[in-house]
């Protein structure tokens, strides 16, 4: 079994922090950046554990449209384009785009959230 990449670890760690905040405060109290990371975590969970996005939809049915909206709001073109794809296309291209998506999202992390892990 391959060791997780830095970006896989980042999604898991940031995702965990955001999942805890969501449980305490509700999804509506997440920032757009946190909502986007949560949606990426949901997509990543589905792709790595089931090999598709159906499992992701079982966790959070609107993950793809919310990610698309948040990426647009945060001016993240690659992430917006990726989550705007048809589900089957995103499934096909997910792992090829994963590191670039993570890097783009990381670059938009609000200063006040950095280093909280």
PDB file of N, CA and C in Angstrom:
ATOM      1  N   UNK A   1       0.843  -1.191   0.000  1.00  0.00           N
ATOM      2  CA  UNK A   1       0.000   0.000   0.000  1.00  0.00           C
ATOM      3  C   UNK A   1       0.881   1.245   0.000  1.00  0.00           C
ATOM      4  N   UNK A   2       0.566   2.181  -0.845  1.00  0.00           N
ATOM      5  CA  UNK A   2       1.346   3.405  -0.961  1.00  0.00           C
ATOM      6  C   UNK A   2       1.078   4.339   0.220  1.00  0.00           C
ATOM      7  N   UNK A   3       2.110   5.056   0.593  1.00  0.00           N
ATOM      8  CA  UNK A   3       1.951   6.058   1.641  1.00  0.00           C
ATOM      9  C   UNK A   3       1.169   7.244   1.079  1.00  0.00           C
ATOM     10  N   UNK A   4       0.373   7.894   1.933  1.00  0.00           N
ATOM     11  CA  UNK A   4      -0.376   9.051   1.427  1.00  0.00           C
ATOM     12  C   UNK A   4       0.559  10.198   1.054  1.00  0.00           C
ATOM     13  N   UNK A   5       0.164  10.947   0.049  1.00  0.00           N
ATOM     14  CA  UNK A   5       0.932  12.126  -0.347  1.00  0.00           C
ATOM     15  C   UNK A   5       0.713  13.235   0.676  1.00  0.00           C
ATOM     16  N   UNK A   6       1.523  14.270   0.577  1.00  0.00           N
ATOM     17  CA  UNK A   6       1.346  15.425   1.461  1.00  0.00           C
ATOM     18  C   UNK A   6      -0.050  16.016   1.311  1.00  0.00           C
ATOM     19  N   UNK A   7      -0.553  16.061   0.079  1.00  0.00           N
ATOM     20  CA  UNK A   7      -1.882  16.631  -0.142  1.00  0.00           C
ATOM     21  C   UNK A   7      -2.982  15.721   0.394  1.00  0.00           C
ATOM     22  N   UNK A   8      -2.805  14.424   0.306  1.00  0.00           N
ATOM     23  CA  UNK A   8      -3.788  13.517   0.912  1.00  0.00           C
ATOM     24  C   UNK A   8      -3.854  13.745   2.416  1.00  0.00           C
ATOM     25  N   UNK A   9      -2.683  13.838   3.030  1.00  0.00           N
ATOM     26  CA  UNK A   9      -2.616  14.089   4.476  1.00  0.00           C
ATOM     27  C   UNK A   9      -3.251  15.437   4.803  1.00  0.00           C
ATOM     28  N   UNK A  10      -2.962  16.445   3.989  1.00  0.00           N
ATOM     29  CA  UNK A  10      -3.525  17.777   4.210  1.00  0.00           C
ATOM     30  C   UNK A  10      -5.051  17.743   4.164  1.00  0.00           C
ATOM     31  N   UNK A  11      -5.622  17.064   3.161  1.00  0.00           N
ATOM     32  CA  UNK A  11      -7.085  16.977   3.044  1.00  0.00           C
ATOM     33  C   UNK A  11      -7.670  16.284   4.276  1.00  0.00           C
ATOM     34  N   UNK A  12      -7.044  15.223   4.718  1.00  0.00           N
ATOM     35  CA  UNK A  12      -7.541  14.494   5.889  1.00  0.00           C
ATOM     36  C   UNK A  12      -7.480  15.372   7.138  1.00  0.00           C
ATOM     37  N   UNK A  13      -6.347  16.031   7.357  1.00  0.00           N
ATOM     38  CA  UNK A  13      -6.179  16.847   8.566  1.00  0.00           C
ATOM     39  C   UNK A  13      -7.073  18.091   8.558  1.00  0.00           C
ATOM     40  N   UNK A  14      -7.066  18.831   7.463  1.00  0.00           N
ATOM     41  CA  UNK A  14      -7.936  20.016   7.365  1.00  0.00           C
ATOM     42  C   UNK A  14      -9.397  19.598   7.388  1.00  0.00           C
ATOM     43  N   UNK A  15      -9.695  18.526   6.663  1.00  0.00           N
ATOM     44  CA  UNK A  15     -11.065  18.024   6.638  1.00  0.00           C
ATOM     45  C   UNK A  15     -11.560  17.659   8.019  1.00  0.00           C
ATOM     46  N   UNK A  16     -10.730  17.009   8.812  1.00  0.00           N
ATOM     47  CA  UNK A  16     -11.115  16.631  10.171  1.00  0.00           C
ATOM     48  C   UNK A  16     -11.448  17.861  11.010  1.00  0.00           C
ATOM     49  N   UNK A  17     -10.599  18.880  10.935  1.00  0.00           N
ATOM     50  CA  UNK A  17     -10.849  20.113  11.698  1.00  0.00           C
ATOM     51  C   UNK A  17     -12.172  20.754  11.275  1.00  0.00           C
ATOM     52  N   UNK A  18     -12.429  20.767   9.985  1.00  0.00           N
ATOM     53  CA  UNK A  18     -13.650  21.383   9.462  1.00  0.00           C
ATOM     54  C   UNK A  18     -14.873  20.536   9.802  1.00  0.00           C
ATOM     55  N   UNK A  19     -14.734  19.226   9.754  1.00  0.00           N
ATOM     56  CA  UNK A  19     -15.840  18.339  10.148  1.00  0.00           C
ATOM     57  C   UNK A  19     -16.210  18.595  11.607  1.00  0.00           C
ATOM     58  N   UNK A  20     -15.217  18.769  12.459  1.00  0.00           N
ATOM     59  CA  UNK A  20     -15.494  19.065  13.869  1.00  0.00           C
ATOM     60  C   UNK A  20     -16.203  20.408  14.028  1.00  0.00           C
ATOM     61  N   UNK A  21     -15.766  21.422  13.301  1.00  0.00           N
ATOM     62  CA  UNK A  21     -16.427  22.725  13.350  1.00  0.00           C
ATOM     63  C   UNK A  21     -17.861  22.612  12.849  1.00  0.00           C
ATOM     64  N   UNK A  22     -18.043  21.877  11.754  1.00  0.00           N
ATOM     65  CA  UNK A  22     -19.387  21.677  11.190  1.00  0.00           C
ATOM     66  C   UNK A  22     -20.295  20.999  12.209  1.00  0.00           C
ATOM     67  N   UNK A  23     -19.778  20.021  12.924  1.00  0.00           N
ATOM     68  CA  UNK A  23     -20.570  19.314  13.938  1.00  0.00           C
ATOM     69  C   UNK A  23     -20.958  20.251  15.094  1.00  0.00           C
ATOM     70  N   UNK A  24     -20.054  21.145  15.457  1.00  0.00           N
ATOM     71  CA  UNK A  24     -20.317  22.097  16.550  1.00  0.00           C
ATOM     72  C   UNK A  24     -21.257  23.224  16.134  1.00  0.00           C
ATOM     73  N   UNK A  25     -21.016  23.773  14.936  1.00  0.00           N
ATOM     74  CA  UNK A  25     -21.660  25.032  14.548  1.00  0.00           C
ATOM     75  C   UNK A  25     -22.623  24.935  13.382  1.00  0.00           C
ATOM     76  N   UNK A  26     -22.571  23.848  12.629  1.00  0.00           N
ATOM     77  CA  UNK A  26     -23.422  23.711  11.456  1.00  0.00           C
ATOM     78  C   UNK A  26     -22.704  24.137  10.186  1.00  0.00           C
ATOM     79  N   UNK A  27     -23.118  23.556   9.069  1.00  0.00           N
ATOM     80  CA  UNK A  27     -22.491  23.842   7.782  1.00  0.00           C
ATOM     81  C   UNK A  27     -22.603  25.318   7.427  1.00  0.00           C
ATOM     82  N   UNK A  28     -23.706  25.927   7.789  1.00  0.00           N
ATOM     83  CA  UNK A  28     -23.926  27.335   7.424  1.00  0.00           C
ATOM     84  C   UNK A  28     -22.926  28.281   8.083  1.00  0.00           C
ATOM     85  N   UNK A  29     -22.219  27.826   9.112  1.00  0.00           N
ATOM     86  CA  UNK A  29     -21.232  28.664   9.782  1.00  0.00           C
ATOM     87  C   UNK A  29     -19.802  28.430   9.294  1.00  0.00           C
ATOM     88  N   UNK A  30     -19.652  27.619   8.263  1.00  0.00           N
ATOM     89  CA  UNK A  30     -18.335  27.454   7.656  1.00  0.00           C
ATOM     90  C   UNK A  30     -18.084  28.606   6.695  1.00  0.00           C
ATOM     91  N   UNK A  31     -16.839  29.011   6.591  1.00  0.00           N
ATOM     92  CA  UNK A  31     -16.470  30.023   5.601  1.00  0.00           C
ATOM     93  C   UNK A  31     -16.530  29.371   4.219  1.00  0.00           C
ATOM     94  N   UNK A  32     -16.562  30.164   3.151  1.00  0.00           N
ATOM     95  CA  UNK A  32     -16.533  29.560   1.815  1.00  0.00           C
ATOM     96  C   UNK A  32     -15.311  28.649   1.626  1.00  0.00           C
ATOM     97  N   UNK A  33     -14.153  29.049   2.152  1.00  0.00           N
ATOM     98  CA  UNK A  33     -12.959  28.227   2.028  1.00  0.00           C
ATOM     99  C   UNK A  33     -13.132  26.905   2.783  1.00  0.00           C
ATOM    100  N   UNK A  34     -13.669  26.963   3.985  1.00  0.00           N
ATOM    101  CA  UNK A  34     -13.902  25.739   4.752  1.00  0.00           C
ATOM    102  C   UNK A  34     -14.931  24.841   4.057  1.00  0.00           C
ATOM    103  N   UNK A  35     -15.968  25.438   3.504  1.00  0.00           N
ATOM    104  CA  UNK A  35     -16.968  24.660   2.759  1.00  0.00           C
ATOM    105  C   UNK A  35     -16.328  23.941   1.583  1.00  0.00           C
ATOM    106  N   UNK A  36     -15.431  24.631   0.889  1.00  0.00           N
ATOM    107  CA  UNK A  36     -14.745  24.038  -0.254  1.00  0.00           C
ATOM    108  C   UNK A  36     -13.853  22.879   0.187  1.00  0.00           C
ATOM    109  N   UNK A  37     -13.110  23.065   1.259  1.00  0.00           N
ATOM    110  CA  UNK A  37     -12.255  21.983   1.752  1.00  0.00           C
ATOM    111  C   UNK A  37     -13.111  20.802   2.197  1.00  0.00           C
ATOM    112  N   UNK A  38     -14.229  21.065   2.839  1.00  0.00           N
ATOM    113  CA  UNK A  38     -15.125  19.981   3.243  1.00  0.00           C
ATOM    114  C   UNK A  38     -15.612  19.215   2.006  1.00  0.00           C
ATOM    115  N   UNK A  39     -16.008  19.926   0.972  1.00  0.00           N
ATOM    116  CA  UNK A  39     -16.477  19.269  -0.257  1.00  0.00           C
ATOM    117  C   UNK A  39     -15.361  18.472  -0.912  1.00  0.00           C
ATOM    118  N   UNK A  40     -14.143  18.998  -0.889  1.00  0.00           N
ATOM    119  CA  UNK A  40     -13.003  18.249  -1.415  1.00  0.00           C
ATOM    120  C   UNK A  40     -12.782  16.995  -0.577  1.00  0.00           C
ATOM    121  N   UNK A  41     -12.877  17.107   0.736  1.00  0.00           N
ATOM    122  CA  UNK A  41     -12.732  15.938   1.611  1.00  0.00           C
ATOM    123  C   UNK A  41     -13.783  14.881   1.256  1.00  0.00           C
ATOM    124  N   UNK A  42     -15.025  15.312   1.055  1.00  0.00           N
ATOM    125  CA  UNK A  42     -16.106  14.395   0.696  1.00  0.00           C
ATOM    126  C   UNK A  42     -15.784  13.690  -0.630  1.00  0.00           C
ATOM    127  N   UNK A  43     -15.370  14.463  -1.631  1.00  0.00           N
ATOM    128  CA  UNK A  43     -15.025  13.882  -2.932  1.00  0.00           C
ATOM    129  C   UNK A  43     -13.857  12.914  -2.793  1.00  0.00           C
ATOM    130  N   UNK A  44     -12.851  13.316  -2.051  1.00  0.00           N
ATOM    131  CA  UNK A  44     -11.672  12.478  -1.881  1.00  0.00           C
ATOM    132  C   UNK A  44     -12.020  11.176  -1.167  1.00  0.00           C
ATOM    133  N   UNK A  45     -12.857  11.266  -0.163  1.00  0.00           N
ATOM    134  CA  UNK A  45     -13.293  10.064   0.556  1.00  0.00           C
ATOM    135  C   UNK A  45     -13.968   9.084  -0.403  1.00  0.00           C
ATOM    136  N   UNK A  46     -14.871   9.587  -1.210  1.00  0.00           N
ATOM    137  CA  UNK A  46     -15.567   8.730  -2.170  1.00  0.00           C
ATOM    138  C   UNK A  46     -14.626   8.118  -3.189  1.00  0.00           C
ATOM    139  N   UNK A  47     -13.740   8.926  -3.725  1.00  0.00           N
ATOM    140  CA  UNK A  47     -12.838   8.428  -4.766  1.00  0.00           C
ATOM    141  C   UNK A  47     -11.830   7.426  -4.220  1.00  0.00           C
ATOM    142  N   UNK A  48     -11.288   7.665  -3.046  1.00  0.00           N
ATOM    143  CA  UNK A  48     -10.265   6.764  -2.501  1.00  0.00           C
ATOM    144  C   UNK A  48     -10.867   5.505  -1.889  1.00  0.00           C
ATOM    145  N   UNK A  49     -12.085   5.580  -1.391  1.00  0.00           N
ATOM    146  CA  UNK A  49     -12.673   4.433  -0.711  1.00  0.00           C
ATOM    147  C   UNK A  49     -13.617   3.619  -1.587  1.00  0.00           C
ATOM    148  N   UNK A  50     -14.245   4.259  -2.557  1.00  0.00           N
ATOM    149  CA  UNK A  50     -15.186   3.537  -3.418  1.00  0.00           C
ATOM    150  C   UNK A  50     -14.821   3.628  -4.897  1.00  0.00           C
ATOM    151  N   UNK A  51     -13.929   4.543  -5.224  1.00  0.00           N
ATOM    152  CA  UNK A  51     -13.524   4.686  -6.614  1.00  0.00           C
ATOM    153  C   UNK A  51     -14.487   5.488  -7.467  1.00  0.00           C
ATOM    154  N   UNK A  52     -15.463   6.135  -6.806  1.00  0.00           N
ATOM    155  CA  UNK A  52     -16.402   6.972  -7.551  1.00  0.00           C
ATOM    156  C   UNK A  52     -16.953   8.057  -6.631  1.00  0.00           C
ATOM    157  N   UNK A  53     -17.823   8.871  -7.193  1.00  0.00           N
ATOM    158  CA  UNK A  53     -18.389   9.980  -6.422  1.00  0.00           C
ATOM    159  C   UNK A  53     -19.781   9.679  -5.887  1.00  0.00           C
ATOM    160  N   UNK A  54     -20.303   8.497  -6.142  1.00  0.00           N
ATOM    161  CA  UNK A  54     -21.612   8.126  -5.578  1.00  0.00           C
ATOM    162  C   UNK A  54     -21.553   8.084  -4.050  1.00  0.00           C
ATOM    163  N   UNK A  55     -20.464   7.534  -3.513  1.00  0.00           N
ATOM    164  CA  UNK A  55     -20.292   7.509  -2.057  1.00  0.00           C
ATOM    165  C   UNK A  55     -20.207   8.928  -1.517  1.00  0.00           C
ATOM    166  N   UNK A  56     -19.529   9.800  -2.241  1.00  0.00           N
ATOM    167  CA  UNK A  56     -19.450  11.199  -1.838  1.00  0.00           C
ATOM    168  C   UNK A  56     -20.848  11.821  -1.776  1.00  0.00           C
ATOM    169  N   UNK A  57     -21.667  11.516  -2.768  1.00  0.00           N
ATOM    170  CA  UNK A  57     -23.031  12.046  -2.788  1.00  0.00           C
ATOM    171  C   UNK A  57     -23.859  11.502  -1.627  1.00  0.00           C
ATOM    172  N   UNK A  58     -23.559  10.274  -1.190  1.00  0.00           N
ATOM    173  CA  UNK A  58     -24.247   9.717  -0.021  1.00  0.00           C
ATOM    174  C   UNK A  58     -23.893  10.491   1.247  1.00  0.00           C
ATOM    175  N   UNK A  59     -22.664  10.982   1.328  1.00  0.00           N
ATOM    176  CA  UNK A  59     -22.218  11.746   2.498  1.00  0.00           C
ATOM    177  C   UNK A  59     -22.789  13.160   2.455  1.00  0.00           C
ATOM    178  N   UNK A  60     -22.680  13.805   1.302  1.00  0.00           N
ATOM    179  CA  UNK A  60     -23.163  15.177   1.143  1.00  0.00           C
ATOM    180  C   UNK A  60     -23.600  15.354  -0.309  1.00  0.00           C
ATOM    181  N   UNK A  61     -24.883  15.242  -0.536  1.00  0.00           N
ATOM    182  CA  UNK A  61     -25.436  15.213  -1.894  1.00  0.00           C
ATOM    183  C   UNK A  61     -25.034  16.423  -2.732  1.00  0.00           C
ATOM    184  N   UNK A  62     -24.890  17.581  -2.123  1.00  0.00           N
ATOM    185  CA  UNK A  62     -24.607  18.811  -2.860  1.00  0.00           C
ATOM    186  C   UNK A  62     -23.125  19.165  -2.928  1.00  0.00           C
ATOM    187  N   UNK A  63     -22.251  18.214  -2.573  1.00  0.00           N
ATOM    188  CA  UNK A  63     -20.825  18.549  -2.490  1.00  0.00           C
ATOM    189  C   UNK A  63     -20.291  19.180  -3.768  1.00  0.00           C
ATOM    190  N   UNK A  64     -20.705  18.682  -4.929  1.00  0.00           N
ATOM    191  CA  UNK A  64     -20.128  19.164  -6.176  1.00  0.00           C
ATOM    192  C   UNK A  64     -20.587  20.587  -6.495  1.00  0.00           C
ATOM    193  N   UNK A  65     -21.862  20.872  -6.337  1.00  0.00           N
ATOM    194  CA  UNK A  65     -22.343  22.226  -6.643  1.00  0.00           C
ATOM    195  C   UNK A  65     -21.852  23.242  -5.613  1.00  0.00           C
ATOM    196  N   UNK A  66     -21.768  22.849  -4.355  1.00  0.00           N
ATOM    197  CA  UNK A  66     -21.258  23.762  -3.315  1.00  0.00           C
ATOM    198  C   UNK A  66     -19.773  24.038  -3.556  1.00  0.00           C
ATOM    199  N   UNK A  67     -19.006  23.005  -3.916  1.00  0.00           N
ATOM    200  CA  UNK A  67     -17.584  23.204  -4.229  1.00  0.00           C
ATOM    201  C   UNK A  67     -17.428  24.139  -5.425  1.00  0.00           C
ATOM    202  N   UNK A  68     -18.256  23.940  -6.423  1.00  0.00           N
ATOM    203  CA  UNK A  68     -18.205  24.788  -7.621  1.00  0.00           C
ATOM    204  C   UNK A  68     -18.466  26.246  -7.236  1.00  0.00           C
ATOM    205  N   UNK A  69     -19.502  26.486  -6.451  1.00  0.00           N
ATOM    206  CA  UNK A  69     -19.847  27.849  -6.033  1.00  0.00           C
ATOM    207  C   UNK A  69     -18.743  28.477  -5.191  1.00  0.00           C
ATOM    208  N   UNK A  70     -18.213  27.719  -4.235  1.00  0.00           N
ATOM    209  CA  UNK A  70     -17.160  28.245  -3.360  1.00  0.00           C
ATOM    210  C   UNK A  70     -15.897  28.558  -4.158  1.00  0.00           C
ATOM    211  N   UNK A  71     -15.534  27.665  -5.082  1.00  0.00           N
ATOM    212  CA  UNK A  71     -14.342  27.903  -5.904  1.00  0.00           C
ATOM    213  C   UNK A  71     -14.507  29.153  -6.764  1.00  0.00           C
ATOM    214  N   UNK A  72     -15.706  29.365  -7.281  1.00  0.00           N
ATOM    215  CA  UNK A  72     -15.960  30.580  -8.068  1.00  0.00           C
ATOM    216  C   UNK A  72     -15.831  31.815  -7.187  1.00  0.00           C
ATOM    217  N   UNK A  73     -16.432  31.757  -6.003  1.00  0.00           N
ATOM    218  CA  UNK A  73     -16.375  32.887  -5.071  1.00  0.00           C
ATOM    219  C   UNK A  73     -14.940  33.208  -4.656  1.00  0.00           C
ATOM    220  N   UNK A  74     -14.121  32.162  -4.520  1.00  0.00           N
ATOM    221  CA  UNK A  74     -12.730  32.333  -4.095  1.00  0.00           C
ATOM    222  C   UNK A  74     -11.775  32.548  -5.271  1.00  0.00           C
ATOM    223  N   UNK A  75     -12.305  32.623  -6.491  1.00  0.00           N
ATOM    224  CA  UNK A  75     -11.514  32.832  -7.713  1.00  0.00           C
ATOM    225  C   UNK A  75     -10.445  31.759  -7.890  1.00  0.00           C
ATOM    226  N   UNK A  76     -10.890  30.507  -7.841  1.00  0.00           N
ATOM    227  CA  UNK A  76      -9.995  29.362  -8.022  1.00  0.00           C
ATOM    228  C   UNK A  76     -10.396  28.653  -9.318  1.00  0.00           C
ATOM    229  N   UNK A  77      -9.823  29.046 -10.449  1.00  0.00           N
ATOM    230  CA  UNK A  77     -10.305  28.570 -11.745  1.00  0.00           C
ATOM    231  C   UNK A  77     -10.179  27.066 -11.976  1.00  0.00           C
ATOM    232  N   UNK A  78      -9.081  26.453 -11.599  1.00  0.00           N
ATOM    233  CA  UNK A  78      -8.935  25.012 -11.824  1.00  0.00           C
ATOM    234  C   UNK A  78      -9.929  24.222 -10.973  1.00  0.00           C
ATOM    235  N   UNK A  79     -10.071  24.629  -9.731  1.00  0.00           N
ATOM    236  CA  UNK A  79     -10.999  23.950  -8.829  1.00  0.00           C
ATOM    237  C   UNK A  79     -12.434  24.146  -9.313  1.00  0.00           C
ATOM    238  N   UNK A  80     -12.769  25.366  -9.732  1.00  0.00           N
ATOM    239  CA  UNK A  80     -14.106  25.635 -10.258  1.00  0.00           C
ATOM    240  C   UNK A  80     -14.372  24.782 -11.498  1.00  0.00           C
ATOM    241  N   UNK A  81     -13.418  24.775 -12.412  1.00  0.00           N
ATOM    242  CA  UNK A  81     -13.575  23.979 -13.632  1.00  0.00           C
ATOM    243  C   UNK A  81     -13.746  22.494 -13.303  1.00  0.00           C
ATOM    244  N   UNK A  82     -12.964  22.007 -12.363  1.00  0.00           N
ATOM    245  CA  UNK A  82     -13.015  20.584 -12.010  1.00  0.00           C
ATOM    246  C   UNK A  82     -14.364  20.201 -11.425  1.00  0.00           C
ATOM    247  N   UNK A  83     -14.857  20.973 -10.472  1.00  0.00           N
ATOM    248  CA  UNK A  83     -16.132  20.646  -9.846  1.00  0.00           C
ATOM    249  C   UNK A  83     -17.330  21.004 -10.730  1.00  0.00           C
ATOM    250  N   UNK A  84     -17.079  21.688 -11.852  1.00  0.00           N
ATOM    251  CA  UNK A  84     -18.134  21.977 -12.824  1.00  0.00           C
ATOM    252  C   UNK A  84     -18.303  20.858 -13.843  1.00  0.00           C
ATOM    253  N   UNK A  85     -17.370  19.927 -13.865  1.00  0.00           N
ATOM    254  CA  UNK A  85     -17.430  18.817 -14.817  1.00  0.00           C
ATOM    255  C   UNK A  85     -18.607  17.901 -14.514  1.00  0.00           C
ATOM    256  N   UNK A  86     -19.047  17.175 -15.518  1.00  0.00           N
ATOM    257  CA  UNK A  86     -20.020  16.106 -15.283  1.00  0.00           C
ATOM    258  C   UNK A  86     -19.384  15.115 -14.305  1.00  0.00           C
ATOM    259  N   UNK A  87     -20.201  14.488 -13.509  1.00  0.00           N
ATOM    260  CA  UNK A  87     -19.692  13.592 -12.459  1.00  0.00           C
ATOM    261  C   UNK A  87     -18.727  12.550 -13.021  1.00  0.00           C
ATOM    262  N   UNK A  88     -19.099  11.887 -14.105  1.00  0.00           N
ATOM    263  CA  UNK A  88     -18.234  10.830 -14.653  1.00  0.00           C
ATOM    264  C   UNK A  88     -16.902  11.394 -15.144  1.00  0.00           C
ATOM    265  N   UNK A  89     -16.912  12.611 -15.664  1.00  0.00           N
ATOM    266  CA  UNK A  89     -15.674  13.241 -16.131  1.00  0.00           C
ATOM    267  C   UNK A  89     -14.784  13.583 -14.946  1.00  0.00           C
ATOM    268  N   UNK A  90     -15.371  14.130 -13.890  1.00  0.00           N
ATOM    269  CA  UNK A  90     -14.598  14.429 -12.684  1.00  0.00           C
ATOM    270  C   UNK A  90     -14.006  13.139 -12.100  1.00  0.00           C
ATOM    271  N   UNK A  91     -14.780  12.077 -12.099  1.00  0.00           N
ATOM    272  CA  UNK A  91     -14.257  10.791 -11.607  1.00  0.00           C
ATOM    273  C   UNK A  91     -13.033  10.362 -12.423  1.00  0.00           C
ATOM    274  N   UNK A  92     -13.110  10.503 -13.747  1.00  0.00           N
ATOM    275  CA  UNK A  92     -12.008  10.102 -14.624  1.00  0.00           C
ATOM    276  C   UNK A  92     -10.760  10.950 -14.411  1.00  0.00           C
ATOM    277  N   UNK A  93     -10.940  12.233 -14.139  1.00  0.00           N
ATOM    278  CA  UNK A  93      -9.812  13.159 -14.070  1.00  0.00           C
ATOM    279  C   UNK A  93      -9.384  13.494 -12.634  1.00  0.00           C
ATOM    280  N   UNK A  94     -10.111  12.995 -11.656  1.00  0.00           N
ATOM    281  CA  UNK A  94      -9.904  13.392 -10.265  1.00  0.00           C
ATOM    282  C   UNK A  94      -8.449  13.238  -9.815  1.00  0.00           C
ATOM    283  N   UNK A  95      -7.898  12.055  -9.951  1.00  0.00           N
ATOM    284  CA  UNK A  95      -6.550  11.812  -9.432  1.00  0.00           C
ATOM    285  C   UNK A  95      -5.480  12.573 -10.217  1.00  0.00           C
ATOM    286  N   UNK A  96      -5.716  12.822 -11.499  1.00  0.00           N
ATOM    287  CA  UNK A  96      -4.770  13.616 -12.289  1.00  0.00           C
ATOM    288  C   UNK A  96      -4.759  15.075 -11.839  1.00  0.00           C
ATOM    289  N   UNK A  97      -5.885  15.561 -11.371  1.00  0.00           N
ATOM    290  CA  UNK A  97      -6.018  16.968 -10.982  1.00  0.00           C
ATOM    291  C   UNK A  97      -5.863  17.201  -9.474  1.00  0.00           C
ATOM    292  N   UNK A  98      -5.860  16.124  -8.697  1.00  0.00           N
ATOM    293  CA  UNK A  98      -5.920  16.240  -7.245  1.00  0.00           C
ATOM    294  C   UNK A  98      -4.863  17.182  -6.660  1.00  0.00           C
ATOM    295  N   UNK A  99      -3.596  16.979  -6.989  1.00  0.00           N
ATOM    296  CA  UNK A  99      -2.548  17.820  -6.403  1.00  0.00           C
ATOM    297  C   UNK A  99      -2.699  19.284  -6.800  1.00  0.00           C
ATOM    298  N   UNK A 100      -3.039  19.540  -8.046  1.00  0.00           N
ATOM    299  CA  UNK A 100      -3.213  20.927  -8.498  1.00  0.00           C
ATOM    300  C   UNK A 100      -4.405  21.584  -7.803  1.00  0.00           C
ATOM    301  N   UNK A 101      -5.489  20.829  -7.612  1.00  0.00           N
ATOM    302  CA  UNK A 101      -6.657  21.361  -6.892  1.00  0.00           C
ATOM    303  C   UNK A 101      -6.259  21.695  -5.456  1.00  0.00           C
ATOM    304  N   UNK A 102      -5.596  20.760  -4.794  1.00  0.00           N
ATOM    305  CA  UNK A 102      -5.169  21.004  -3.409  1.00  0.00           C
ATOM    306  C   UNK A 102      -4.278  22.227  -3.315  1.00  0.00           C
ATOM    307  N   UNK A 103      -3.319  22.328  -4.219  1.00  0.00           N
ATOM    308  CA  UNK A 103      -2.401  23.468  -4.180  1.00  0.00           C
ATOM    309  C   UNK A 103      -3.121  24.786  -4.412  1.00  0.00           C
ATOM    310  N   UNK A 104      -4.096  24.775  -5.309  1.00  0.00           N
ATOM    311  CA  UNK A 104      -4.858  25.996  -5.564  1.00  0.00           C
ATOM    312  C   UNK A 104      -5.678  26.372  -4.330  1.00  0.00           C
ATOM    313  N   UNK A 105      -6.314  25.398  -3.707  1.00  0.00           N
ATOM    314  CA  UNK A 105      -7.120  25.667  -2.506  1.00  0.00           C
ATOM    315  C   UNK A 105      -6.220  26.119  -1.359  1.00  0.00           C
ATOM    316  N   UNK A 106      -5.084  25.471  -1.193  1.00  0.00           N
ATOM    317  CA  UNK A 106      -4.142  25.877  -0.135  1.00  0.00           C
ATOM    318  C   UNK A 106      -3.731  27.339  -0.306  1.00  0.00           C
ATOM    319  N   UNK A 107      -3.522  27.751  -1.548  1.00  0.00           N
ATOM    320  CA  UNK A 107      -3.063  29.121  -1.809  1.00  0.00           C
ATOM    321  C   UNK A 107      -4.106  30.158  -1.406  1.00  0.00           C
ATOM    322  N   UNK A 108      -5.352  29.735  -1.281  1.00  0.00           N
ATOM    323  CA  UNK A 108      -6.435  30.661  -0.931  1.00  0.00           C
ATOM    324  C   UNK A 108      -6.818  30.582   0.549  1.00  0.00           C
ATOM    325  N   UNK A 109      -6.086  29.788   1.324  1.00  0.00           N
ATOM    326  CA  UNK A 109      -6.444  29.640   2.739  1.00  0.00           C
ATOM    327  C   UNK A 109      -6.347  30.985   3.454  1.00  0.00           C
ATOM    328  N   UNK A 110      -7.417  31.387   4.123  1.00  0.00           N
ATOM    329  CA  UNK A 110      -7.382  32.653   4.856  1.00  0.00           C
ATOM    330  C   UNK A 110      -6.296  32.637   5.933  1.00  0.00           C
ATOM    331  N   UNK A 111      -5.639  33.739   6.074  1.00  0.00           N
ATOM    332  CA  UNK A 111      -4.529  33.871   7.025  1.00  0.00           C
ATOM    333  C   UNK A 111      -4.930  33.430   8.431  1.00  0.00           C
ATOM    334  N   UNK A 112      -6.145  33.769   8.839  1.00  0.00           N
ATOM    335  CA  UNK A 112      -6.569  33.450  10.205  1.00  0.00           C
ATOM    336  C   UNK A 112      -6.777  31.946  10.443  1.00  0.00           C
ATOM    337  N   UNK A 113      -6.846  31.161   9.369  1.00  0.00           N
ATOM    338  CA  UNK A 113      -7.026  29.713   9.522  1.00  0.00           C
ATOM    339  C   UNK A 113      -5.709  28.957   9.415  1.00  0.00           C
ATOM    340  N   UNK A 114      -4.658  29.598   8.965  1.00  0.00           N
ATOM    341  CA  UNK A 114      -3.371  28.912   8.773  1.00  0.00           C
ATOM    342  C   UNK A 114      -2.775  28.524  10.113  1.00  0.00           C
ATOM    343  N   UNK A 115      -2.199  27.315  10.124  1.00  0.00           N
ATOM    344  CA  UNK A 115      -1.478  26.863  11.302  1.00  0.00           C
ATOM    345  C   UNK A 115      -2.343  26.445  12.473  1.00  0.00           C
ATOM    346  N   UNK A 116      -3.634  26.229  12.256  1.00  0.00           N
ATOM    347  CA  UNK A 116      -4.519  25.844  13.352  1.00  0.00           C
ATOM    348  C   UNK A 116      -4.535  24.340  13.622  1.00  0.00           C
ATOM    349  N   UNK A 117      -3.849  23.560  12.819  1.00  0.00           N
ATOM    350  CA  UNK A 117      -3.906  22.108  12.984  1.00  0.00           C
ATOM    351  C   UNK A 117      -2.974  21.628  14.056  1.00  0.00           C
TER     352      UNK A 117
END
